């Protein structure tokens, strides 16, 4: 048996970008940064930031686009993948990508903690992942969303 699940709590590095596939499925991309403080070899406190590129699909994508903005704190659950690419500087880089299956909006638009969330159980019924890398879903009505 194999298992791939990641949980991230961080802040959006840019506003979400929503687009639609030719089949009409919504897809939303945004970046999330996590940070932690560690002491380096000299004993000085250093902040280590890790960036994740997040993709949400269908109704979850539309909600992310509607309620998230740069700087907003968010909780993400999903599947982690790693991609290598050559940057503009000609060097090889690694990108951490997350296919989101659950998103919790941790603060209001003004960053006051409200606990608003959007999970697959509340927003969509999630099926197995397809070859396109996103979950097949059956949308619920807007009345089923708790906010």
C-alpha atoms as a PDB file:
ATOM      1  CA  UNK A   1       0.000   0.000   0.000  1.00  0.00           C
ATOM      2  CA  UNK A   2       1.169   3.542  -0.757  1.00  0.00           C
ATOM      3  CA  UNK A   3       0.031   6.839   0.661  1.00  0.00           C
ATOM      4  CA  UNK A   4       0.741  10.443  -0.356  1.00  0.00           C
ATOM      5  CA  UNK A   5      -0.872  13.200   1.702  1.00  0.00           C
ATOM      6  CA  UNK A   6       0.474  16.564   2.797  1.00  0.00           C
ATOM      7  CA  UNK A   7      -0.910  19.140   5.220  1.00  0.00           C
ATOM      8  CA  UNK A   8       0.258  22.736   4.868  1.00  0.00           C
ATOM      9  CA  UNK A   9      -0.588  25.774   6.981  1.00  0.00           C
ATOM     10  CA  UNK A  10       0.852  28.912   5.464  1.00  0.00           C
ATOM     11  CA  UNK A  11       0.178  32.210   3.748  1.00  0.00           C
ATOM     12  CA  UNK A  12      -0.654  32.880   0.110  1.00  0.00           C
ATOM     13  CA  UNK A  13       2.235  34.394  -1.807  1.00  0.00           C
ATOM     14  CA  UNK A  14       0.039  35.723  -4.616  1.00  0.00           C
ATOM     15  CA  UNK A  15      -3.624  36.072  -5.481  1.00  0.00           C
ATOM     16  CA  UNK A  16      -5.260  32.922  -6.862  1.00  0.00           C
ATOM     17  CA  UNK A  17      -5.560  32.565 -10.641  1.00  0.00           C
ATOM     18  CA  UNK A  18      -8.761  30.901 -11.892  1.00  0.00           C
ATOM     19  CA  UNK A  19      -9.171  29.448 -15.366  1.00  0.00           C
ATOM     20  CA  UNK A  20     -11.337  26.815 -17.013  1.00  0.00           C
ATOM     21  CA  UNK A  21     -10.339  23.725 -18.982  1.00  0.00           C
ATOM     22  CA  UNK A  22     -11.836  23.182 -22.457  1.00  0.00           C
ATOM     23  CA  UNK A  23     -14.244  20.742 -20.753  1.00  0.00           C
ATOM     24  CA  UNK A  24     -15.456  23.551 -18.470  1.00  0.00           C
ATOM     25  CA  UNK A  25     -13.746  22.419 -15.245  1.00  0.00           C
ATOM     26  CA  UNK A  26     -12.535  25.235 -12.993  1.00  0.00           C
ATOM     27  CA  UNK A  27      -8.873  25.108 -11.989  1.00  0.00           C
ATOM     28  CA  UNK A  28      -7.275  27.558  -9.544  1.00  0.00           C
ATOM     29  CA  UNK A  29      -3.538  27.997  -8.969  1.00  0.00           C
ATOM     30  CA  UNK A  30      -1.845  29.852  -6.124  1.00  0.00           C
ATOM     31  CA  UNK A  31       1.324  29.668  -4.045  1.00  0.00           C
ATOM     32  CA  UNK A  32       1.578  29.077  -0.300  1.00  0.00           C
ATOM     33  CA  UNK A  33       4.626  29.766   1.875  1.00  0.00           C
ATOM     34  CA  UNK A  34       5.463  28.103   5.165  1.00  0.00           C
ATOM     35  CA  UNK A  35       8.220  29.362   7.422  1.00  0.00           C
ATOM     36  CA  UNK A  36      10.104  28.151  10.444  1.00  0.00           C
ATOM     37  CA  UNK A  37      12.946  29.542  12.501  1.00  0.00           C
ATOM     38  CA  UNK A  38      16.153  27.591  13.045  1.00  0.00           C
ATOM     39  CA  UNK A  39      19.550  28.369  14.475  1.00  0.00           C
ATOM     40  CA  UNK A  40      22.385  28.174  11.956  1.00  0.00           C
ATOM     41  CA  UNK A  41      25.910  26.861  12.676  1.00  0.00           C
ATOM     42  CA  UNK A  42      26.896  30.174  14.290  1.00  0.00           C
ATOM     43  CA  UNK A  43      23.847  30.117  16.584  1.00  0.00           C
ATOM     44  CA  UNK A  44      22.025  32.924  14.784  1.00  0.00           C
ATOM     45  CA  UNK A  45      18.292  32.527  14.252  1.00  0.00           C
ATOM     46  CA  UNK A  46      17.435  32.109  10.563  1.00  0.00           C
ATOM     47  CA  UNK A  47      14.005  31.958   8.960  1.00  0.00           C
ATOM     48  CA  UNK A  48      13.539  29.124   6.462  1.00  0.00           C
ATOM     49  CA  UNK A  49      10.701  29.587   3.958  1.00  0.00           C
ATOM     50  CA  UNK A  50       9.346  26.778   1.783  1.00  0.00           C
ATOM     51  CA  UNK A  51       7.082  27.533  -1.196  1.00  0.00           C
ATOM     52  CA  UNK A  52       4.359  25.241  -2.522  1.00  0.00           C
ATOM     53  CA  UNK A  53       2.453  25.654  -5.796  1.00  0.00           C
ATOM     54  CA  UNK A  54      -1.175  24.620  -5.126  1.00  0.00           C
ATOM     55  CA  UNK A  55      -3.839  23.578  -7.623  1.00  0.00           C
ATOM     56  CA  UNK A  56      -7.522  23.188  -6.736  1.00  0.00           C
ATOM     57  CA  UNK A  57     -10.201  21.826  -9.077  1.00  0.00           C
ATOM     58  CA  UNK A  58     -13.898  22.433  -9.790  1.00  0.00           C
ATOM     59  CA  UNK A  59     -16.004  23.948  -6.984  1.00  0.00           C
ATOM     60  CA  UNK A  60     -13.042  23.946  -4.587  1.00  0.00           C
ATOM     61  CA  UNK A  61     -11.155  26.020  -7.186  1.00  0.00           C
ATOM     62  CA  UNK A  62     -13.997  28.521  -7.465  1.00  0.00           C
ATOM     63  CA  UNK A  63     -14.217  28.894  -3.682  1.00  0.00           C
ATOM     64  CA  UNK A  64     -10.443  29.328  -3.357  1.00  0.00           C
ATOM     65  CA  UNK A  65     -10.545  32.048  -6.010  1.00  0.00           C
ATOM     66  CA  UNK A  66     -13.468  33.770  -4.296  1.00  0.00           C
ATOM     67  CA  UNK A  67     -12.209  33.727  -0.696  1.00  0.00           C
ATOM     68  CA  UNK A  68      -8.407  33.659  -0.842  1.00  0.00           C
ATOM     69  CA  UNK A  69      -6.028  36.550  -1.487  1.00  0.00           C
ATOM     70  CA  UNK A  70      -2.319  37.272  -1.209  1.00  0.00           C
ATOM     71  CA  UNK A  71      -1.181  37.161   2.434  1.00  0.00           C
ATOM     72  CA  UNK A  72      -4.212  35.196   3.668  1.00  0.00           C
ATOM     73  CA  UNK A  73      -3.530  32.248   5.967  1.00  0.00           C
ATOM     74  CA  UNK A  74      -4.818  28.902   4.735  1.00  0.00           C
ATOM     75  CA  UNK A  75      -4.804  25.202   5.648  1.00  0.00           C
ATOM     76  CA  UNK A  76      -4.345  22.846   2.676  1.00  0.00           C
ATOM     77  CA  UNK A  77      -4.542  19.061   2.433  1.00  0.00           C
ATOM     78  CA  UNK A  78      -3.604  17.300  -0.761  1.00  0.00           C
ATOM     79  CA  UNK A  79      -1.231  15.148  -2.766  1.00  0.00           C
ATOM     80  CA  UNK A  80       2.396  16.295  -3.054  1.00  0.00           C
ATOM     81  CA  UNK A  81       4.426  16.068  -6.254  1.00  0.00           C
ATOM     82  CA  UNK A  82       7.892  17.384  -7.062  1.00  0.00           C
ATOM     83  CA  UNK A  83       8.887  18.783 -10.458  1.00  0.00           C
ATOM     84  CA  UNK A  84      12.280  19.857 -11.724  1.00  0.00           C
ATOM     85  CA  UNK A  85      12.714  22.694 -14.202  1.00  0.00           C
ATOM     86  CA  UNK A  86      15.370  24.980 -15.644  1.00  0.00           C
ATOM     87  CA  UNK A  87      14.956  28.554 -14.434  1.00  0.00           C
ATOM     88  CA  UNK A  88      15.598  31.789 -16.295  1.00  0.00           C
ATOM     89  CA  UNK A  89      19.041  31.775 -14.701  1.00  0.00           C
ATOM     90  CA  UNK A  90      19.826  28.468 -16.460  1.00  0.00           C
ATOM     91  CA  UNK A  91      20.010  26.519 -13.181  1.00  0.00           C
ATOM     92  CA  UNK A  92      17.947  23.449 -12.286  1.00  0.00           C
ATOM     93  CA  UNK A  93      15.244  24.103  -9.679  1.00  0.00           C
ATOM     94  CA  UNK A  94      12.697  21.975  -7.869  1.00  0.00           C
ATOM     95  CA  UNK A  95       9.054  22.960  -7.406  1.00  0.00           C
ATOM     96  CA  UNK A  96       6.806  21.408  -4.761  1.00  0.00           C
ATOM     97  CA  UNK A  97       3.281  21.085  -6.139  1.00  0.00           C
ATOM     98  CA  UNK A  98       0.131  20.177  -4.247  1.00  0.00           C
ATOM     99  CA  UNK A  99      -3.121  18.955  -5.774  1.00  0.00           C
ATOM    100  CA  UNK A 100      -5.527  20.252  -3.092  1.00  0.00           C
ATOM    101  CA  UNK A 101      -8.273  17.984  -1.819  1.00  0.00           C
ATOM    102  CA  UNK A 102      -9.247  20.136   1.161  1.00  0.00           C
ATOM    103  CA  UNK A 103      -8.931  23.853   1.943  1.00  0.00           C
ATOM    104  CA  UNK A 104      -9.713  25.623   5.220  1.00  0.00           C
ATOM    105  CA  UNK A 105      -9.817  29.419   5.140  1.00  0.00           C
ATOM    106  CA  UNK A 106      -8.203  30.291   8.477  1.00  0.00           C
ATOM    107  CA  UNK A 107      -8.869  34.013   8.610  1.00  0.00           C
ATOM    108  CA  UNK A 108     -11.426  36.401   7.207  1.00  0.00           C
ATOM    109  CA  UNK A 109     -10.534  38.681   4.342  1.00  0.00           C
ATOM    110  CA  UNK A 110      -9.267  41.066   7.029  1.00  0.00           C
ATOM    111  CA  UNK A 111      -7.216  38.220   8.605  1.00  0.00           C
ATOM    112  CA  UNK A 112      -9.453  37.858  11.659  1.00  0.00           C
ATOM    113  CA  UNK A 113      -9.672  34.172  12.571  1.00  0.00           C
ATOM    114  CA  UNK A 114     -13.112  32.852  11.685  1.00  0.00           C
ATOM    115  CA  UNK A 115     -12.606  29.170  11.037  1.00  0.00           C
ATOM    116  CA  UNK A 116     -14.399  29.278   7.686  1.00  0.00           C
ATOM    117  CA  UNK A 117     -13.620  26.129   5.756  1.00  0.00           C
ATOM    118  CA  UNK A 118     -14.318  24.364   2.509  1.00  0.00           C
ATOM    119  CA  UNK A 119     -13.730  20.635   2.511  1.00  0.00           C
ATOM    120  CA  UNK A 120     -14.599  17.989  -0.059  1.00  0.00           C
ATOM    121  CA  UNK A 121     -17.398  16.747   2.194  1.00  0.00           C
ATOM    122  CA  UNK A 122     -18.906  20.228   2.352  1.00  0.00           C
ATOM    123  CA  UNK A 123     -18.190  21.372  -1.195  1.00  0.00           C
ATOM    124  CA  UNK A 124     -17.864  18.294  -3.389  1.00  0.00           C
ATOM    125  CA  UNK A 125     -18.036  14.551  -3.271  1.00  0.00           C
ATOM    126  CA  UNK A 126     -14.553  13.426  -4.290  1.00  0.00           C
ATOM    127  CA  UNK A 127     -13.913  10.360  -6.473  1.00  0.00           C
ATOM    128  CA  UNK A 128     -10.633   8.735  -7.510  1.00  0.00           C
ATOM    129  CA  UNK A 129      -8.032  10.890  -9.265  1.00  0.00           C
ATOM    130  CA  UNK A 130      -8.205  10.775 -13.056  1.00  0.00           C
ATOM    131  CA  UNK A 131      -5.329  10.747 -15.537  1.00  0.00           C
ATOM    132  CA  UNK A 132      -5.602  14.538 -15.784  1.00  0.00           C
ATOM    133  CA  UNK A 133      -4.447  14.833 -12.165  1.00  0.00           C
ATOM    134  CA  UNK A 134      -7.706  16.044 -10.651  1.00  0.00           C
ATOM    135  CA  UNK A 135     -10.515  14.428  -8.765  1.00  0.00           C
ATOM    136  CA  UNK A 136     -13.828  13.646 -10.382  1.00  0.00           C
ATOM    137  CA  UNK A 137     -16.464  15.439  -8.352  1.00  0.00           C
ATOM    138  CA  UNK A 138     -20.184  15.821  -8.094  1.00  0.00           C
ATOM    139  CA  UNK A 139     -20.987  19.449  -7.168  1.00  0.00           C
ATOM    140  CA  UNK A 140     -23.357  20.311  -4.352  1.00  0.00           C
ATOM    141  CA  UNK A 141     -25.587  23.376  -4.359  1.00  0.00           C
ATOM    142  CA  UNK A 142     -24.554  26.719  -2.867  1.00  0.00           C
ATOM    143  CA  UNK A 143     -26.961  26.006   0.015  1.00  0.00           C
ATOM    144  CA  UNK A 144     -24.686  23.145   1.118  1.00  0.00           C
ATOM    145  CA  UNK A 145     -21.725  25.476   1.677  1.00  0.00           C
ATOM    146  CA  UNK A 146     -21.461  26.651   5.295  1.00  0.00           C
ATOM    147  CA  UNK A 147     -20.591  30.289   4.519  1.00  0.00           C
END
